């Protein structure tokens, strides 16, 4: 599993964060801050998205 977290300072002075998780060299899931939703990269990641959004209320931690 590889998790990449980052933040970018944009030219207008605002900050944009990013969060991505991958497994075995493939993208798995990321978080879109603008929509406040996890974005699955495939059908298997859809299971993760459902669990994180509904069972664990993960979205609240990221917004």
PDB file of N, CA and C in Angstrom:
ATOM      1  N   UNK A   1       0.850  -1.173   0.000  1.00  0.00           N
ATOM      2  CA  UNK A   1       0.000   0.000   0.000  1.00  0.00           C
ATOM      3  C   UNK A   1       0.891   1.230   0.000  1.00  0.00           C
ATOM      4  N   UNK A   2       0.523   2.200  -0.792  1.00  0.00           N
ATOM      5  CA  UNK A   2       1.241   3.466  -0.855  1.00  0.00           C
ATOM      6  C   UNK A   2       0.244   4.589  -0.647  1.00  0.00           C
ATOM      7  N   UNK A   3       0.521   5.445   0.305  1.00  0.00           N
ATOM      8  CA  UNK A   3      -0.325   6.609   0.558  1.00  0.00           C
ATOM      9  C   UNK A   3       0.490   7.858   0.277  1.00  0.00           C
ATOM     10  N   UNK A   4      -0.071   8.752  -0.525  1.00  0.00           N
ATOM     11  CA  UNK A   4       0.598  10.001  -0.865  1.00  0.00           C
ATOM     12  C   UNK A   4      -0.286  11.150  -0.405  1.00  0.00           C
ATOM     13  N   UNK A   5       0.244  11.951   0.496  1.00  0.00           N
ATOM     14  CA  UNK A   5      -0.454  13.146   0.970  1.00  0.00           C
ATOM     15  C   UNK A   5       0.401  14.339   0.594  1.00  0.00           C
ATOM     16  N   UNK A   6      -0.239  15.404   0.218  1.00  0.00           N
ATOM     17  CA  UNK A   6       0.539  16.574  -0.142  1.00  0.00           C
ATOM     18  C   UNK A   6      -0.267  17.844  -0.052  1.00  0.00           C
ATOM     19  N   UNK A   7       0.428  18.932  -0.191  1.00  0.00           N
ATOM     20  CA  UNK A   7      -0.242  20.212  -0.239  1.00  0.00           C
ATOM     21  C   UNK A   7       0.559  21.124  -1.161  1.00  0.00           C
ATOM     22  N   UNK A   8      -0.166  21.921  -1.921  1.00  0.00           N
ATOM     23  CA  UNK A   8       0.442  22.831  -2.885  1.00  0.00           C
ATOM     24  C   UNK A   8       0.070  24.255  -2.522  1.00  0.00           C
ATOM     25  N   UNK A   9       1.056  25.140  -2.565  1.00  0.00           N
ATOM     26  CA  UNK A   9       0.805  26.563  -2.403  1.00  0.00           C
ATOM     27  C   UNK A   9       0.613  27.137  -3.798  1.00  0.00           C
ATOM     28  N   UNK A  10      -0.577  27.627  -4.078  1.00  0.00           N
ATOM     29  CA  UNK A  10      -0.906  28.132  -5.406  1.00  0.00           C
ATOM     30  C   UNK A  10      -0.459  29.579  -5.567  1.00  0.00           C
ATOM     31  N   UNK A  11      -0.389  30.049  -6.798  1.00  0.00           N
ATOM     32  CA  UNK A  11       0.115  31.393  -7.089  1.00  0.00           C
ATOM     33  C   UNK A  11      -0.732  32.488  -6.453  1.00  0.00           C
ATOM     34  N   UNK A  12      -2.011  32.216  -6.193  1.00  0.00           N
ATOM     35  CA  UNK A  12      -2.869  33.224  -5.560  1.00  0.00           C
ATOM     36  C   UNK A  12      -2.778  33.191  -4.036  1.00  0.00           C
ATOM     37  N   UNK A  13      -1.885  32.351  -3.494  1.00  0.00           N
ATOM     38  CA  UNK A  13      -1.687  32.270  -2.054  1.00  0.00           C
ATOM     39  C   UNK A  13      -2.559  31.236  -1.365  1.00  0.00           C
ATOM     40  N   UNK A  14      -3.476  30.629  -2.089  1.00  0.00           N
ATOM     41  CA  UNK A  14      -4.324  29.598  -1.487  1.00  0.00           C
ATOM     42  C   UNK A  14      -3.568  28.269  -1.449  1.00  0.00           C
ATOM     43  N   UNK A  15      -4.097  27.356  -0.682  1.00  0.00           N
ATOM     44  CA  UNK A  15      -3.464  26.054  -0.506  1.00  0.00           C
ATOM     45  C   UNK A  15      -4.424  24.970  -0.981  1.00  0.00           C
ATOM     46  N   UNK A  16      -3.882  23.969  -1.657  1.00  0.00           N
ATOM     47  CA  UNK A  16      -4.682  22.828  -2.113  1.00  0.00           C
ATOM     48  C   UNK A  16      -4.022  21.554  -1.596  1.00  0.00           C
ATOM     49  N   UNK A  17      -4.807  20.721  -0.936  1.00  0.00           N
ATOM     50  CA  UNK A  17      -4.289  19.469  -0.404  1.00  0.00           C
ATOM     51  C   UNK A  17      -4.662  18.298  -1.291  1.00  0.00           C
ATOM     52  N   UNK A  18      -3.928  17.212  -1.145  1.00  0.00           N
ATOM     53  CA  UNK A  18      -4.249  16.007  -1.908  1.00  0.00           C
ATOM     54  C   UNK A  18      -4.014  14.776  -1.044  1.00  0.00           C
ATOM     55  N   UNK A  19      -4.752  13.711  -1.362  1.00  0.00           N
ATOM     56  CA  UNK A  19      -4.638  12.442  -0.644  1.00  0.00           C
ATOM     57  C   UNK A  19      -4.958  11.326  -1.624  1.00  0.00           C
ATOM     58  N   UNK A  20      -4.025  10.398  -1.796  1.00  0.00           N
ATOM     59  CA  UNK A  20      -4.223   9.272  -2.713  1.00  0.00           C
ATOM     60  C   UNK A  20      -3.710   7.997  -2.066  1.00  0.00           C
ATOM     61  N   UNK A  21      -4.391   6.898  -2.336  1.00  0.00           N
ATOM     62  CA  UNK A  21      -3.967   5.587  -1.848  1.00  0.00           C
ATOM     63  C   UNK A  21      -3.846   4.659  -3.049  1.00  0.00           C
ATOM     64  N   UNK A  22      -2.760   3.899  -3.094  1.00  0.00           N
ATOM     65  CA  UNK A  22      -2.568   2.923  -4.154  1.00  0.00           C
ATOM     66  C   UNK A  22      -2.167   1.575  -3.577  1.00  0.00           C
ATOM     67  N   UNK A  23      -2.416   0.522  -4.335  1.00  0.00           N
ATOM     68  CA  UNK A  23      -2.036  -0.837  -3.948  1.00  0.00           C
ATOM     69  C   UNK A  23      -1.380  -1.517  -5.136  1.00  0.00           C
ATOM     70  N   UNK A  24      -0.290  -2.212  -4.880  1.00  0.00           N
ATOM     71  CA  UNK A  24       0.404  -2.983  -5.912  1.00  0.00           C
ATOM     72  C   UNK A  24       0.698  -2.162  -7.166  1.00  0.00           C
ATOM     73  N   UNK A  25       1.031  -0.902  -6.998  1.00  0.00           N
ATOM     74  CA  UNK A  25       1.386  -0.047  -8.124  1.00  0.00           C
ATOM     75  C   UNK A  25       0.215   0.555  -8.875  1.00  0.00           C
ATOM     76  N   UNK A  26      -1.005   0.348  -8.399  1.00  0.00           N
ATOM     77  CA  UNK A  26      -2.202   0.874  -9.062  1.00  0.00           C
ATOM     78  C   UNK A  26      -2.914   1.867  -8.158  1.00  0.00           C
ATOM     79  N   UNK A  27      -3.500   2.902  -8.759  1.00  0.00           N
ATOM     80  CA  UNK A  27      -4.324   3.831  -7.991  1.00  0.00           C
ATOM     81  C   UNK A  27      -5.502   3.078  -7.398  1.00  0.00           C
ATOM     82  N   UNK A  28      -5.891   3.466  -6.191  1.00  0.00           N
ATOM     83  CA  UNK A  28      -7.026   2.818  -5.533  1.00  0.00           C
ATOM     84  C   UNK A  28      -8.133   3.838  -5.249  1.00  0.00           C
ATOM     85  N   UNK A  29      -7.812   4.871  -4.480  1.00  0.00           N
ATOM     86  CA  UNK A  29      -8.830   5.855  -4.112  1.00  0.00           C
ATOM     87  C   UNK A  29      -8.146   7.183  -3.822  1.00  0.00           C
ATOM     88  N   UNK A  30      -8.847   8.263  -4.073  1.00  0.00           N
ATOM     89  CA  UNK A  30      -8.342   9.598  -3.749  1.00  0.00           C
ATOM     90  C   UNK A  30      -9.493  10.397  -3.150  1.00  0.00           C
ATOM     91  N   UNK A  31      -9.169  11.571  -2.618  1.00  0.00           N
ATOM     92  CA  UNK A  31     -10.192  12.430  -2.029  1.00  0.00           C
ATOM     93  C   UNK A  31     -10.236  13.736  -2.795  1.00  0.00           C
ATOM     94  N   UNK A  32     -11.432  14.133  -3.234  1.00  0.00           N
ATOM     95  CA  UNK A  32     -11.631  15.393  -3.946  1.00  0.00           C
ATOM     96  C   UNK A  32     -12.193  16.403  -2.951  1.00  0.00           C
ATOM     97  N   UNK A  33     -11.359  17.357  -2.551  1.00  0.00           N
ATOM     98  CA  UNK A  33     -11.748  18.326  -1.530  1.00  0.00           C
ATOM     99  C   UNK A  33     -12.895  19.213  -1.987  1.00  0.00           C
ATOM    100  N   UNK A  34     -12.918  19.566  -3.275  1.00  0.00           N
ATOM    101  CA  UNK A  34     -13.981  20.448  -3.776  1.00  0.00           C
ATOM    102  C   UNK A  34     -15.360  19.810  -3.646  1.00  0.00           C
ATOM    103  N   UNK A  35     -15.472  18.536  -3.964  1.00  0.00           N
ATOM    104  CA  UNK A  35     -16.772  17.863  -3.870  1.00  0.00           C
ATOM    105  C   UNK A  35     -16.993  17.232  -2.499  1.00  0.00           C
ATOM    106  N   UNK A  36     -15.902  17.080  -1.722  1.00  0.00           N
ATOM    107  CA  UNK A  36     -16.019  16.444  -0.417  1.00  0.00           C
ATOM    108  C   UNK A  36     -16.303  14.961  -0.501  1.00  0.00           C
ATOM    109  N   UNK A  37     -15.797  14.324  -1.576  1.00  0.00           N
ATOM    110  CA  UNK A  37     -16.072  12.901  -1.789  1.00  0.00           C
ATOM    111  C   UNK A  37     -14.790  12.138  -2.096  1.00  0.00           C
ATOM    112  N   UNK A  38     -14.796  10.885  -1.700  1.00  0.00           N
ATOM    113  CA  UNK A  38     -13.731   9.988  -2.112  1.00  0.00           C
ATOM    114  C   UNK A  38     -14.013   9.530  -3.534  1.00  0.00           C
ATOM    115  N   UNK A  39     -12.966   9.420  -4.337  1.00  0.00           N
ATOM    116  CA  UNK A  39     -13.101   9.053  -5.748  1.00  0.00           C
ATOM    117  C   UNK A  39     -12.419   7.700  -5.960  1.00  0.00           C
ATOM    118  N   UNK A  40     -13.208   6.645  -6.174  1.00  0.00           N
ATOM    119  CA  UNK A  40     -12.609   5.327  -6.389  1.00  0.00           C
ATOM    120  C   UNK A  40     -12.025   5.221  -7.792  1.00  0.00           C
ATOM    121  N   UNK A  41     -10.888   4.540  -7.907  1.00  0.00           N
ATOM    122  CA  UNK A  41     -10.245   4.369  -9.209  1.00  0.00           C
ATOM    123  C   UNK A  41     -10.756   3.134  -9.940  1.00  0.00           C
ATOM    124  N   UNK A  42     -11.469   2.259  -9.231  1.00  0.00           N
ATOM    125  CA  UNK A  42     -11.973   1.028  -9.847  1.00  0.00           C
ATOM    126  C   UNK A  42     -13.124   0.480  -9.008  1.00  0.00           C
ATOM    127  N   UNK A  43     -13.700  -0.630  -9.442  1.00  0.00           N
ATOM    128  CA  UNK A  43     -14.848  -1.212  -8.736  1.00  0.00           C
ATOM    129  C   UNK A  43     -14.498  -1.692  -7.332  1.00  0.00           C
ATOM    130  N   UNK A  44     -13.305  -2.201  -7.155  1.00  0.00           N
ATOM    131  CA  UNK A  44     -12.890  -2.658  -5.825  1.00  0.00           C
ATOM    132  C   UNK A  44     -12.788  -1.474  -4.872  1.00  0.00           C
ATOM    133  N   UNK A  45     -12.276  -0.360  -5.363  1.00  0.00           N
ATOM    134  CA  UNK A  45     -12.166   0.838  -4.530  1.00  0.00           C
ATOM    135  C   UNK A  45     -13.533   1.405  -4.168  1.00  0.00           C
ATOM    136  N   UNK A  46     -14.546   1.093  -4.944  1.00  0.00           N
ATOM    137  CA  UNK A  46     -15.906   1.533  -4.618  1.00  0.00           C
ATOM    138  C   UNK A  46     -16.343   0.957  -3.272  1.00  0.00           C
ATOM    139  N   UNK A  47     -15.922  -0.252  -2.967  1.00  0.00           N
ATOM    140  CA  UNK A  47     -16.223  -0.861  -1.667  1.00  0.00           C
ATOM    141  C   UNK A  47     -15.570  -0.045  -0.555  1.00  0.00           C
ATOM    142  N   UNK A  48     -14.316   0.334  -0.752  1.00  0.00           N
ATOM    143  CA  UNK A  48     -13.616   1.169   0.224  1.00  0.00           C
ATOM    144  C   UNK A  48     -14.329   2.498   0.396  1.00  0.00           C
ATOM    145  N   UNK A  49     -14.722   3.126  -0.715  1.00  0.00           N
ATOM    146  CA  UNK A  49     -15.413   4.418  -0.645  1.00  0.00           C
ATOM    147  C   UNK A  49     -16.678   4.305   0.199  1.00  0.00           C
ATOM    148  N   UNK A  50     -17.468   3.288  -0.060  1.00  0.00           N
ATOM    149  CA  UNK A  50     -18.715   3.118   0.703  1.00  0.00           C
ATOM    150  C   UNK A  50     -18.444   2.960   2.186  1.00  0.00           C
ATOM    151  N   UNK A  51     -17.475   2.150   2.524  1.00  0.00           N
ATOM    152  CA  UNK A  51     -17.152   1.937   3.947  1.00  0.00           C
ATOM    153  C   UNK A  51     -16.666   3.223   4.584  1.00  0.00           C
ATOM    154  N   UNK A  52     -15.743   3.923   3.916  1.00  0.00           N
ATOM    155  CA  UNK A  52     -15.198   5.139   4.504  1.00  0.00           C
ATOM    156  C   UNK A  52     -16.259   6.219   4.646  1.00  0.00           C
ATOM    157  N   UNK A  53     -17.111   6.370   3.646  1.00  0.00           N
ATOM    158  CA  UNK A  53     -18.104   7.447   3.695  1.00  0.00           C
ATOM    159  C   UNK A  53     -19.283   7.119   4.604  1.00  0.00           C
ATOM    160  N   UNK A  54     -19.692   5.865   4.676  1.00  0.00           N
ATOM    161  CA  UNK A  54     -20.908   5.525   5.408  1.00  0.00           C
ATOM    162  C   UNK A  54     -20.645   4.927   6.787  1.00  0.00           C
ATOM    163  N   UNK A  55     -19.681   4.047   6.900  1.00  0.00           N
ATOM    164  CA  UNK A  55     -19.444   3.383   8.180  1.00  0.00           C
ATOM    165  C   UNK A  55     -18.525   4.172   9.099  1.00  0.00           C
ATOM    166  N   UNK A  56     -17.526   4.809   8.535  1.00  0.00           N
ATOM    167  CA  UNK A  56     -16.513   5.447   9.362  1.00  0.00           C
ATOM    168  C   UNK A  56     -16.576   6.968   9.351  1.00  0.00           C
ATOM    169  N   UNK A  57     -17.484   7.551   8.570  1.00  0.00           N
ATOM    170  CA  UNK A  57     -17.607   9.008   8.468  1.00  0.00           C
ATOM    171  C   UNK A  57     -16.263   9.677   8.182  1.00  0.00           C
ATOM    172  N   UNK A  58     -15.470   9.065   7.310  1.00  0.00           N
ATOM    173  CA  UNK A  58     -14.144   9.592   6.985  1.00  0.00           C
ATOM    174  C   UNK A  58     -14.199  10.976   6.355  1.00  0.00           C
ATOM    175  N   UNK A  59     -15.260  11.297   5.645  1.00  0.00           N
ATOM    176  CA  UNK A  59     -15.335  12.592   4.969  1.00  0.00           C
ATOM    177  C   UNK A  59     -15.200  13.726   5.971  1.00  0.00           C
ATOM    178  N   UNK A  60     -15.786  13.587   7.149  1.00  0.00           N
ATOM    179  CA  UNK A  60     -15.720  14.640   8.166  1.00  0.00           C
ATOM    180  C   UNK A  60     -14.280  14.948   8.566  1.00  0.00           C
ATOM    181  N   UNK A  61     -13.406  13.956   8.523  1.00  0.00           N
ATOM    182  CA  UNK A  61     -12.001  14.175   8.875  1.00  0.00           C
ATOM    183  C   UNK A  61     -11.266  14.998   7.825  1.00  0.00           C
ATOM    184  N   UNK A  62     -11.752  14.971   6.585  1.00  0.00           N
ATOM    185  CA  UNK A  62     -11.028  15.588   5.478  1.00  0.00           C
ATOM    186  C   UNK A  62     -11.592  16.931   5.060  1.00  0.00           C
ATOM    187  N   UNK A  63     -12.735  17.322   5.584  1.00  0.00           N
ATOM    188  CA  UNK A  63     -13.332  18.605   5.181  1.00  0.00           C
ATOM    189  C   UNK A  63     -13.367  19.569   6.333  1.00  0.00           C
TER     190      UNK A  63
END
